[in-house]
Amino acid sequence: MNYDFKRVLYVTDLSENAEYAFGYALSIARRFQAKITALHVIEKMSQSTSSLVSSVVGEKKWEELLKKNQQEALEVIQRRLQDACARMCEGAEFNEYVERVAVVLGNAETTILAMVEEQGFDLVIVGAHSVTSVGKALLDSTARHIVRKCTKPVLIVHLDE
């Protein structure tokens, strides 16, 4: 059995805790000469809500807004990870450790588990946070589901108080 981590899936919700968790992803990547894929999942609205919004703003405008939101999230994540790499790795290049940044629409649990299986990740790293009770419940639910269902190791990182 191979206990090396060569491909790491780092899941971010753009929170402070997720940013803190990236430090662990980077440390593991450096130690094992691994590559990191950063993933942010934008939760899809229910079909009825999406239909309602698109009927109010127009389907074309709604599609444009979704694409713009995805692109903005992608740019924010790339910028944050580049800054983190520069701070933590004494000038190492972002691309040296981060293979890909993905922002997708969907269900977080399903998307994460599917990516792990389809793309052969060796480790999943998730930042846990408790900004609000609703946010905590959602993240806790997602994290618990991933831990229970994932066939690979999962590291849940809590913010150092």
N, C-alpha and C. Protein backbone atom coordinates (compact mmCIF):
# COMPACT_ATOMS: atom_id res chain seq x y z
N MET A 1 0.84 -1.19 0.00
CA MET A 1 0.00 0.00 0.00
C MET A 1 0.88 1.25 0.00
N ASN A 2 0.50 2.24 -0.80
CA ASN A 2 1.25 3.48 -0.93
C ASN A 2 0.65 4.55 -0.01
N TYR A 3 1.47 5.10 0.85
CA TYR A 3 1.00 6.12 1.79
C TYR A 3 1.45 7.52 1.42
N ASP A 4 1.90 7.71 0.20
CA ASP A 4 2.30 9.04 -0.26
C ASP A 4 1.07 9.80 -0.73
N PHE A 5 1.16 11.11 -0.62
CA PHE A 5 0.12 11.98 -1.15
C PHE A 5 0.71 12.72 -2.34
N LYS A 6 0.25 12.37 -3.52
CA LYS A 6 0.75 13.02 -4.74
C LYS A 6 -0.24 14.00 -5.32
N ARG A 7 -1.53 13.77 -5.05
CA ARG A 7 -2.58 14.67 -5.56
C ARG A 7 -3.50 15.01 -4.40
N VAL A 8 -3.55 16.30 -4.08
CA VAL A 8 -4.33 16.79 -2.95
C VAL A 8 -5.49 17.65 -3.45
N LEU A 9 -6.69 17.35 -2.97
CA LEU A 9 -7.85 18.18 -3.27
C LEU A 9 -8.09 19.08 -2.07
N TYR A 10 -7.88 20.37 -2.28
CA TYR A 10 -8.09 21.38 -1.24
C TYR A 10 -9.43 22.05 -1.53
N VAL A 11 -10.36 21.94 -0.59
CA VAL A 11 -11.71 22.48 -0.77
C VAL A 11 -11.80 23.80 -0.01
N THR A 12 -12.24 24.85 -0.71
CA THR A 12 -12.36 26.16 -0.08
C THR A 12 -13.77 26.72 -0.21
N ASP A 13 -14.21 27.37 0.85
CA ASP A 13 -15.48 28.10 0.80
C ASP A 13 -15.21 29.60 0.87
N LEU A 14 -13.95 29.98 0.67
CA LEU A 14 -13.47 31.36 0.69
C LEU A 14 -13.45 31.98 2.08
N SER A 15 -13.62 31.18 3.11
CA SER A 15 -13.60 31.69 4.47
C SER A 15 -12.16 31.79 5.00
N GLU A 16 -12.03 32.41 6.15
CA GLU A 16 -10.73 32.51 6.80
C GLU A 16 -10.20 31.12 7.15
N ASN A 17 -11.09 30.25 7.59
CA ASN A 17 -10.66 28.89 7.94
C ASN A 17 -10.15 28.12 6.74
N ALA A 18 -10.80 28.31 5.60
CA ALA A 18 -10.36 27.63 4.39
C ALA A 18 -8.98 28.12 4.00
N GLU A 19 -8.75 29.41 4.16
CA GLU A 19 -7.43 29.98 3.86
C GLU A 19 -6.38 29.39 4.80
N TYR A 20 -6.74 29.24 6.06
CA TYR A 20 -5.84 28.64 7.05
C TYR A 20 -5.54 27.18 6.66
N ALA A 21 -6.55 26.46 6.19
CA ALA A 21 -6.38 25.06 5.79
C ALA A 21 -5.43 24.93 4.61
N PHE A 22 -5.36 25.97 3.77
CA PHE A 22 -4.45 25.92 2.63
C PHE A 22 -3.01 25.76 3.10
N GLY A 23 -2.67 26.32 4.25
CA GLY A 23 -1.33 26.15 4.80
C GLY A 23 -0.98 24.68 4.99
N TYR A 24 -1.96 23.90 5.43
CA TYR A 24 -1.75 22.46 5.59
C TYR A 24 -1.60 21.79 4.22
N ALA A 25 -2.43 22.19 3.28
CA ALA A 25 -2.33 21.62 1.93
C ALA A 25 -0.95 21.91 1.33
N LEU A 26 -0.48 23.13 1.52
CA LEU A 26 0.81 23.54 1.00
C LEU A 26 1.94 22.77 1.68
N SER A 27 1.85 22.62 2.98
CA SER A 27 2.87 21.88 3.73
C SER A 27 2.96 20.43 3.26
N ILE A 28 1.81 19.81 3.07
CA ILE A 28 1.79 18.42 2.59
C ILE A 28 2.32 18.34 1.17
N ALA A 29 1.95 19.29 0.33
CA ALA A 29 2.43 19.31 -1.04
C ALA A 29 3.95 19.45 -1.09
N ARG A 30 4.48 20.29 -0.24
CA ARG A 30 5.93 20.48 -0.20
C ARG A 30 6.63 19.21 0.28
N ARG A 31 6.10 18.61 1.32
CA ARG A 31 6.72 17.43 1.92
C ARG A 31 6.69 16.22 0.98
N PHE A 32 5.59 16.05 0.25
CA PHE A 32 5.43 14.87 -0.59
C PHE A 32 5.63 15.17 -2.09
N GLN A 33 6.06 16.38 -2.42
CA GLN A 33 6.17 16.80 -3.82
C GLN A 33 4.84 16.54 -4.54
N ALA A 34 3.76 16.93 -3.89
CA ALA A 34 2.42 16.71 -4.41
C ALA A 34 1.92 17.95 -5.15
N LYS A 35 0.85 17.76 -5.89
CA LYS A 35 0.17 18.85 -6.58
C LYS A 35 -1.20 19.05 -5.94
N ILE A 36 -1.58 20.32 -5.82
CA ILE A 36 -2.85 20.68 -5.20
C ILE A 36 -3.84 21.12 -6.28
N THR A 37 -5.05 20.63 -6.16
CA THR A 37 -6.17 21.17 -6.92
C THR A 37 -7.07 21.86 -5.92
N ALA A 38 -7.33 23.13 -6.14
CA ALA A 38 -8.22 23.89 -5.26
C ALA A 38 -9.62 23.85 -5.86
N LEU A 39 -10.60 23.60 -5.01
CA LEU A 39 -11.98 23.48 -5.47
C LEU A 39 -12.90 24.36 -4.63
N HIS A 40 -13.74 25.13 -5.31
CA HIS A 40 -14.80 25.89 -4.65
C HIS A 40 -16.10 25.49 -5.33
N VAL A 41 -17.07 25.04 -4.55
CA VAL A 41 -18.35 24.65 -5.11
C VAL A 41 -19.38 25.72 -4.75
N ILE A 42 -20.01 26.27 -5.79
CA ILE A 42 -21.10 27.21 -5.59
C ILE A 42 -22.37 26.37 -5.59
N GLU A 43 -23.04 26.37 -4.45
CA GLU A 43 -24.24 25.54 -4.31
C GLU A 43 -25.30 25.97 -5.31
N LYS A 44 -25.82 24.99 -6.02
CA LYS A 44 -26.88 25.23 -6.99
C LYS A 44 -28.19 25.51 -6.27
N MET A 45 -28.95 26.45 -6.82
CA MET A 45 -30.28 26.72 -6.27
C MET A 45 -31.22 25.60 -6.68
N SER A 46 -32.30 25.48 -5.94
CA SER A 46 -33.31 24.50 -6.33
C SER A 46 -33.86 24.90 -7.70
N GLN A 47 -34.43 23.95 -8.40
CA GLN A 47 -34.97 24.20 -9.73
C GLN A 47 -36.05 25.29 -9.69
N SER A 48 -36.91 25.24 -8.67
CA SER A 48 -37.99 26.23 -8.60
C SER A 48 -37.44 27.64 -8.34
N THR A 49 -36.45 27.76 -7.47
CA THR A 49 -35.86 29.07 -7.18
C THR A 49 -35.14 29.60 -8.42
N SER A 50 -34.40 28.73 -9.07
CA SER A 50 -33.68 29.13 -10.27
C SER A 50 -34.65 29.58 -11.37
N SER A 51 -35.74 28.86 -11.53
CA SER A 51 -36.75 29.24 -12.52
C SER A 51 -37.37 30.60 -12.20
N LEU A 52 -37.64 30.82 -10.92
CA LEU A 52 -38.22 32.08 -10.49
C LEU A 52 -37.27 33.24 -10.78
N VAL A 53 -36.01 33.08 -10.39
CA VAL A 53 -35.03 34.15 -10.61
C VAL A 53 -34.85 34.41 -12.10
N SER A 54 -34.71 33.35 -12.89
CA SER A 54 -34.50 33.56 -14.33
C SER A 54 -35.72 34.18 -15.00
N SER A 55 -36.92 33.91 -14.47
CA SER A 55 -38.11 34.55 -15.06
C SER A 55 -38.17 36.03 -14.71
N VAL A 56 -37.61 36.41 -13.57
CA VAL A 56 -37.61 37.82 -13.16
C VAL A 56 -36.52 38.60 -13.91
N VAL A 57 -35.29 38.07 -13.93
CA VAL A 57 -34.19 38.81 -14.55
C VAL A 57 -33.95 38.42 -16.01
N GLY A 58 -34.55 37.35 -16.44
CA GLY A 58 -34.34 36.86 -17.80
C GLY A 58 -33.31 35.75 -17.80
N GLU A 59 -33.55 34.73 -18.59
CA GLU A 59 -32.68 33.56 -18.60
C GLU A 59 -31.25 33.89 -19.01
N LYS A 60 -31.12 34.72 -20.05
CA LYS A 60 -29.78 35.08 -20.54
C LYS A 60 -29.01 35.85 -19.46
N LYS A 61 -29.66 36.81 -18.83
CA LYS A 61 -29.02 37.61 -17.78
C LYS A 61 -28.64 36.73 -16.60
N TRP A 62 -29.52 35.77 -16.25
CA TRP A 62 -29.26 34.87 -15.13
C TRP A 62 -28.02 34.01 -15.42
N GLU A 63 -27.91 33.49 -16.63
CA GLU A 63 -26.74 32.71 -17.03
C GLU A 63 -25.47 33.56 -16.95
N GLU A 64 -25.57 34.80 -17.41
CA GLU A 64 -24.43 35.72 -17.34
C GLU A 64 -24.00 35.97 -15.90
N LEU A 65 -24.97 36.17 -15.02
CA LEU A 65 -24.67 36.39 -13.60
C LEU A 65 -23.98 35.18 -12.97
N LEU A 66 -24.45 34.00 -13.29
CA LEU A 66 -23.83 32.77 -12.76
C LEU A 66 -22.39 32.64 -13.24
N LYS A 67 -22.17 32.88 -14.53
CA LYS A 67 -20.82 32.80 -15.09
C LYS A 67 -19.90 33.85 -14.47
N LYS A 68 -20.42 35.05 -14.29
CA LYS A 68 -19.64 36.13 -13.68
C LYS A 68 -19.27 35.77 -12.24
N ASN A 69 -20.21 35.22 -11.50
CA ASN A 69 -19.96 34.81 -10.12
C ASN A 69 -18.87 33.74 -10.07
N GLN A 70 -18.93 32.77 -10.96
CA GLN A 70 -17.91 31.72 -11.03
C GLN A 70 -16.55 32.31 -11.34
N GLN A 71 -16.49 33.21 -12.32
CA GLN A 71 -15.22 33.81 -12.71
C GLN A 71 -14.62 34.65 -11.58
N GLU A 72 -15.46 35.42 -10.90
CA GLU A 72 -14.97 36.23 -9.78
C GLU A 72 -14.44 35.35 -8.65
N ALA A 73 -15.13 34.27 -8.35
CA ALA A 73 -14.66 33.35 -7.31
C ALA A 73 -13.33 32.74 -7.71
N LEU A 74 -13.20 32.36 -8.97
CA LEU A 74 -11.95 31.79 -9.46
C LEU A 74 -10.79 32.76 -9.30
N GLU A 75 -11.02 34.02 -9.67
CA GLU A 75 -9.97 35.03 -9.56
C GLU A 75 -9.58 35.29 -8.11
N VAL A 76 -10.57 35.33 -7.21
CA VAL A 76 -10.30 35.54 -5.79
C VAL A 76 -9.45 34.39 -5.24
N ILE A 77 -9.83 33.18 -5.55
CA ILE A 77 -9.09 32.01 -5.05
C ILE A 77 -7.66 32.01 -5.59
N GLN A 78 -7.51 32.24 -6.88
CA GLN A 78 -6.16 32.26 -7.46
C GLN A 78 -5.29 33.32 -6.80
N ARG A 79 -5.83 34.50 -6.60
CA ARG A 79 -5.08 35.58 -5.97
C ARG A 79 -4.68 35.22 -4.53
N ARG A 80 -5.63 34.68 -3.77
CA ARG A 80 -5.36 34.30 -2.38
C ARG A 80 -4.30 33.20 -2.30
N LEU A 81 -4.40 32.21 -3.17
CA LEU A 81 -3.44 31.11 -3.14
C LEU A 81 -2.06 31.56 -3.59
N GLN A 82 -2.00 32.45 -4.57
CA GLN A 82 -0.71 33.00 -4.99
C GLN A 82 -0.06 33.76 -3.85
N ASP A 83 -0.85 34.58 -3.15
CA ASP A 83 -0.33 35.33 -2.00
C ASP A 83 0.14 34.39 -0.90
N ALA A 84 -0.64 33.36 -0.63
CA ALA A 84 -0.28 32.39 0.41
C ALA A 84 1.00 31.66 0.05
N CYS A 85 1.15 31.27 -1.20
CA CYS A 85 2.37 30.58 -1.64
C CYS A 85 3.58 31.49 -1.46
N ALA A 86 3.43 32.74 -1.86
CA ALA A 86 4.54 33.69 -1.74
C ALA A 86 4.93 33.89 -0.27
N ARG A 87 3.93 33.97 0.62
CA ARG A 87 4.19 34.16 2.06
C ARG A 87 4.81 32.92 2.69
N MET A 88 4.30 31.76 2.38
CA MET A 88 4.68 30.54 3.09
C MET A 88 5.86 29.79 2.47
N CYS A 89 6.20 30.10 1.23
CA CYS A 89 7.20 29.28 0.53
C CYS A 89 8.42 30.06 0.09
N GLU A 90 8.71 31.14 0.74
CA GLU A 90 9.89 31.94 0.42
C GLU A 90 10.08 32.12 -1.08
N GLY A 91 9.06 32.66 -1.74
CA GLY A 91 9.19 33.00 -3.15
C GLY A 91 8.94 31.87 -4.12
N ALA A 92 8.48 30.72 -3.66
CA ALA A 92 8.19 29.62 -4.59
C ALA A 92 7.05 30.03 -5.51
N GLU A 93 7.08 29.50 -6.69
CA GLU A 93 6.05 29.80 -7.68
C GLU A 93 4.74 29.10 -7.33
N PHE A 94 3.65 29.79 -7.54
CA PHE A 94 2.30 29.27 -7.33
C PHE A 94 2.10 27.96 -8.08
N ASN A 95 2.50 27.92 -9.36
CA ASN A 95 2.31 26.73 -10.20
C ASN A 95 3.16 25.55 -9.78
N GLU A 96 4.14 25.81 -8.95
CA GLU A 96 4.99 24.72 -8.46
C GLU A 96 4.18 23.76 -7.58
N TYR A 97 3.17 24.29 -6.89
CA TYR A 97 2.37 23.47 -5.98
C TYR A 97 0.90 23.34 -6.38
N VAL A 98 0.36 24.39 -6.97
CA VAL A 98 -1.07 24.38 -7.33
C VAL A 98 -1.21 24.02 -8.81
N GLU A 99 -1.81 22.87 -9.04
CA GLU A 99 -1.99 22.36 -10.39
C GLU A 99 -3.19 22.99 -11.09
N ARG A 100 -4.24 23.23 -10.31
CA ARG A 100 -5.48 23.70 -10.91
C ARG A 100 -6.37 24.34 -9.86
N VAL A 101 -7.14 25.33 -10.28
CA VAL A 101 -8.17 25.93 -9.44
C VAL A 101 -9.49 25.76 -10.19
N ALA A 102 -10.48 25.16 -9.51
CA ALA A 102 -11.77 24.91 -10.15
C ALA A 102 -12.89 25.52 -9.32
N VAL A 103 -13.81 26.17 -10.01
CA VAL A 103 -15.03 26.69 -9.38
C VAL A 103 -16.18 26.10 -10.17
N VAL A 104 -17.00 25.32 -9.48
CA VAL A 104 -18.10 24.63 -10.17
C VAL A 104 -19.42 24.86 -9.45
N LEU A 105 -20.49 24.78 -10.23
CA LEU A 105 -21.84 24.85 -9.70
C LEU A 105 -22.31 23.45 -9.38
N GLY A 106 -22.90 23.25 -8.22
CA GLY A 106 -23.42 21.93 -7.90
C GLY A 106 -23.60 21.74 -6.41
N ASN A 107 -23.78 20.51 -6.03
CA ASN A 107 -23.88 20.13 -4.63
C ASN A 107 -22.47 19.83 -4.13
N ALA A 108 -22.06 20.46 -3.03
CA ALA A 108 -20.68 20.33 -2.55
C ALA A 108 -20.30 18.88 -2.28
N GLU A 109 -21.12 18.18 -1.53
CA GLU A 109 -20.79 16.79 -1.17
C GLU A 109 -20.61 15.92 -2.41
N THR A 110 -21.58 15.98 -3.31
CA THR A 110 -21.55 15.16 -4.52
C THR A 110 -20.36 15.51 -5.40
N THR A 111 -20.11 16.80 -5.57
CA THR A 111 -19.02 17.27 -6.42
C THR A 111 -17.67 16.83 -5.86
N ILE A 112 -17.47 17.02 -4.57
CA ILE A 112 -16.18 16.65 -3.94
C ILE A 112 -15.94 15.15 -4.07
N LEU A 113 -16.92 14.36 -3.70
CA LEU A 113 -16.76 12.90 -3.76
C LEU A 113 -16.53 12.41 -5.18
N ALA A 114 -17.24 12.99 -6.14
CA ALA A 114 -17.07 12.60 -7.53
C ALA A 114 -15.66 12.95 -8.03
N MET A 115 -15.18 14.13 -7.67
CA MET A 115 -13.84 14.53 -8.10
C MET A 115 -12.77 13.62 -7.53
N VAL A 116 -12.93 13.24 -6.26
CA VAL A 116 -11.95 12.35 -5.63
C VAL A 116 -11.87 11.04 -6.40
N GLU A 117 -13.01 10.48 -6.73
CA GLU A 117 -13.04 9.20 -7.44
C GLU A 117 -12.58 9.33 -8.89
N GLU A 118 -13.08 10.31 -9.58
CA GLU A 118 -12.80 10.45 -11.01
C GLU A 118 -11.38 10.92 -11.31
N GLN A 119 -10.82 11.74 -10.41
CA GLN A 119 -9.53 12.34 -10.71
C GLN A 119 -8.39 11.79 -9.87
N GLY A 120 -8.67 10.81 -9.04
CA GLY A 120 -7.62 10.09 -8.33
C GLY A 120 -6.87 10.88 -7.28
N PHE A 121 -7.56 11.66 -6.48
CA PHE A 121 -6.88 12.39 -5.40
C PHE A 121 -6.51 11.42 -4.28
N ASP A 122 -5.42 11.73 -3.58
CA ASP A 122 -4.95 10.89 -2.49
C ASP A 122 -5.39 11.41 -1.13
N LEU A 123 -5.77 12.69 -1.07
CA LEU A 123 -6.12 13.34 0.19
C LEU A 123 -7.05 14.50 -0.08
N VAL A 124 -8.02 14.70 0.82
CA VAL A 124 -8.94 15.84 0.74
C VAL A 124 -8.71 16.69 1.97
N ILE A 125 -8.56 18.00 1.77
CA ILE A 125 -8.37 18.94 2.90
C ILE A 125 -9.49 19.96 2.87
N VAL A 126 -10.18 20.09 4.01
CA VAL A 126 -11.32 20.99 4.14
C VAL A 126 -11.12 21.84 5.38
N GLY A 127 -11.37 23.14 5.26
CA GLY A 127 -11.33 24.02 6.43
C GLY A 127 -12.70 24.05 7.09
N ALA A 128 -12.74 23.89 8.40
CA ALA A 128 -14.00 23.93 9.15
C ALA A 128 -14.15 25.32 9.75
N HIS A 129 -15.37 25.82 9.75
CA HIS A 129 -15.60 27.14 10.33
C HIS A 129 -16.92 27.17 11.07
N SER A 130 -17.08 28.19 11.88
CA SER A 130 -18.33 28.32 12.64
C SER A 130 -18.73 29.78 12.74
N VAL A 131 -18.80 30.44 11.59
CA VAL A 131 -19.14 31.86 11.56
C VAL A 131 -20.56 32.07 12.06
N THR A 132 -21.49 31.28 11.56
CA THR A 132 -22.89 31.35 12.00
C THR A 132 -23.36 29.95 12.30
N SER A 133 -24.43 29.84 13.05
CA SER A 133 -24.93 28.50 13.37
C SER A 133 -25.41 27.80 12.10
N VAL A 134 -25.99 28.53 11.16
CA VAL A 134 -26.44 27.91 9.91
C VAL A 134 -25.23 27.46 9.10
N GLY A 135 -24.24 28.33 8.96
CA GLY A 135 -23.02 27.99 8.23
C GLY A 135 -22.31 26.82 8.87
N LYS A 136 -22.26 26.80 10.19
CA LYS A 136 -21.62 25.70 10.91
C LYS A 136 -22.36 24.40 10.64
N ALA A 137 -23.67 24.45 10.68
CA ALA A 137 -24.46 23.24 10.44
C ALA A 137 -24.26 22.73 9.02
N LEU A 138 -24.22 23.65 8.05
CA LEU A 138 -24.01 23.24 6.66
C LEU A 138 -22.64 22.63 6.47
N LEU A 139 -21.60 23.31 6.98
CA LEU A 139 -20.25 22.79 6.81
C LEU A 139 -20.10 21.49 7.56
N ASP A 140 -20.59 21.45 8.79
CA ASP A 140 -20.47 20.23 9.56
C ASP A 140 -21.14 19.08 8.84
N SER A 141 -22.30 19.35 8.26
CA SER A 141 -23.02 18.33 7.51
C SER A 141 -22.20 17.88 6.30
N THR A 142 -21.67 18.83 5.55
CA THR A 142 -20.86 18.50 4.37
C THR A 142 -19.60 17.74 4.78
N ALA A 143 -18.90 18.24 5.78
CA ALA A 143 -17.67 17.59 6.23
C ALA A 143 -17.94 16.17 6.74
N ARG A 144 -18.99 16.02 7.52
CA ARG A 144 -19.33 14.68 8.04
C ARG A 144 -19.64 13.73 6.89
N HIS A 145 -20.40 14.21 5.93
CA HIS A 145 -20.76 13.38 4.77
C HIS A 145 -19.50 12.96 4.01
N ILE A 146 -18.61 13.90 3.79
CA ILE A 146 -17.38 13.60 3.05
C ILE A 146 -16.53 12.58 3.82
N VAL A 147 -16.39 12.79 5.12
CA VAL A 147 -15.59 11.87 5.94
C VAL A 147 -16.19 10.47 5.88
N ARG A 148 -17.52 10.38 5.98
CA ARG A 148 -18.19 9.08 5.98
C ARG A 148 -18.10 8.38 4.63
N LYS A 149 -18.22 9.14 3.54
CA LYS A 149 -18.35 8.53 2.21
C LYS A 149 -17.06 8.47 1.40
N CYS A 150 -16.09 9.28 1.74
CA CYS A 150 -14.88 9.37 0.93
C CYS A 150 -14.01 8.12 1.11
N THR A 151 -13.47 7.65 -0.01
CA THR A 151 -12.62 6.46 0.04
C THR A 151 -11.15 6.82 0.30
N LYS A 152 -10.86 8.09 0.39
CA LYS A 152 -9.50 8.57 0.64
C LYS A 152 -9.47 9.32 1.97
N PRO A 153 -8.29 9.52 2.55
CA PRO A 153 -8.20 10.27 3.80
C PRO A 153 -8.72 11.70 3.64
N VAL A 154 -9.36 12.20 4.70
CA VAL A 154 -9.90 13.56 4.72
C VAL A 154 -9.33 14.26 5.94
N LEU A 155 -8.74 15.43 5.72
CA LEU A 155 -8.21 16.25 6.81
C LEU A 155 -9.12 17.46 6.96
N ILE A 156 -9.74 17.58 8.13
CA ILE A 156 -10.59 18.74 8.42
C ILE A 156 -9.79 19.64 9.35
N VAL A 157 -9.57 20.87 8.90
CA VAL A 157 -8.71 21.81 9.63
C VAL A 157 -9.58 22.86 10.30
N HIS A 158 -9.44 22.96 11.62
CA HIS A 158 -10.15 24.00 12.38
C HIS A 158 -9.22 25.18 12.56
N LEU A 159 -9.78 26.37 12.53
CA LEU A 159 -8.99 27.59 12.70
C LEU A 159 -8.33 27.59 14.07
N ASP A 160 -7.05 27.89 14.10
CA ASP A 160 -6.31 27.99 15.35
C ASP A 160 -6.75 29.25 16.06
N GLU A 161 -7.38 29.09 17.22
CA GLU A 161 -7.93 30.25 17.93
C GLU A 161 -6.82 31.09 18.51
